[in-house]
Protein backbone atom coordinates (compact mmCIF):
# COMPACT_ATOMS: atom_id res chain seq x y z
CA MET A 1 -10.91 22.46 -11.08
CA GLY A 2 -13.39 19.76 -10.15
CA VAL A 3 -10.60 17.23 -9.87
CA LEU A 4 -8.82 19.47 -7.34
CA VAL A 5 -11.94 19.38 -5.17
CA LEU A 6 -11.91 15.57 -5.11
CA VAL A 7 -8.14 15.35 -4.47
CA ALA A 8 -8.16 18.06 -1.84
CA GLY A 9 -10.43 16.13 0.47
CA CYS A 10 -9.68 14.52 3.79
CA MET A 11 -8.86 10.98 4.88
CA THR A 12 -9.60 8.64 7.79
CA ASP A 13 -6.86 7.39 10.00
CA SER A 14 -5.46 4.02 9.13
CA VAL A 15 -6.16 1.18 11.57
CA MET A 16 -3.59 -1.55 12.30
CA LEU A 17 -4.64 -5.03 13.17
CA VAL A 18 -2.45 -7.97 14.30
CA HIS A 19 -3.22 -11.66 14.35
CA PRO A 20 -2.30 -12.88 17.89
CA GLN A 21 -1.05 -16.25 16.77
CA THR A 22 0.84 -15.48 13.59
CA GLN A 23 1.71 -11.86 14.42
CA LEU A 24 0.90 -10.88 10.87
CA ALA A 25 -0.14 -7.29 10.56
CA ALA A 26 -2.92 -5.84 8.41
CA GLN A 27 -3.90 -2.26 7.73
CA CYS A 28 -7.24 -0.75 6.92
CA GLY A 29 -7.21 2.65 5.38
CA PRO A 30 -6.65 5.46 5.07
CA TYR A 31 -9.84 6.04 3.14
CA TYR A 32 -10.28 9.41 1.37
CA PHE A 33 -13.40 11.51 1.33
CA THR A 34 -14.49 14.97 0.25
CA GLY A 35 -16.91 17.44 1.78
CA ALA A 36 -19.77 15.86 -0.14
CA SER A 37 -22.59 14.78 2.21
CA SER A 38 -23.44 11.66 0.18
CA GLY A 39 -22.08 9.41 -2.50
CA VAL A 40 -18.97 7.29 -2.97
CA PHE A 41 -16.60 10.10 -1.83
CA SER A 42 -18.52 11.02 1.29
CA LYS A 43 -17.18 10.69 4.79
CA ALA A 44 -19.92 8.25 5.67
CA ALA A 45 -18.86 6.01 2.75
CA ALA A 46 -15.20 6.19 3.84
CA MET A 47 -16.12 5.25 7.37
CA GLU A 48 -18.24 2.34 6.13
CA ARG A 49 -15.39 1.03 4.04
CA GLU A 50 -13.15 1.25 7.10
CA ARG A 51 -15.67 -0.59 9.29
CA ASP A 52 -16.06 -3.31 6.68
CA CYS A 53 -12.32 -3.80 6.41
CA ILE A 54 -11.90 -4.01 10.16
CA SER A 55 -14.84 -6.45 10.52
CA ASP A 56 -13.37 -8.67 7.82
CA TYR A 57 -10.02 -8.97 9.57
CA GLN A 58 -11.61 -9.41 12.99
CA ARG A 59 -13.63 -12.37 11.62
CA GLN A 60 -10.24 -13.87 10.66
CA GLY A 61 -8.93 -13.49 14.24
CA TYR A 62 -7.07 -10.16 13.91
CA GLU A 63 -7.23 -7.69 16.77
CA ARG A 64 -6.94 -3.92 16.69
CA ARG A 65 -3.68 -2.35 17.99
């Protein structure tokens, strides 16, 4: 039953990024979260993983689409 709670959570939208020179595409997400207010499966943790992913690609020259 506890596993169903973890699996039945929500997810963030995926974010597409494209490098303007090479036209290579990258995707961040989707990242899954539960209704927990803290911890590795929280919405805040999912949003932080998404922000980190986007930042990493932007440092490499990728732009959000």
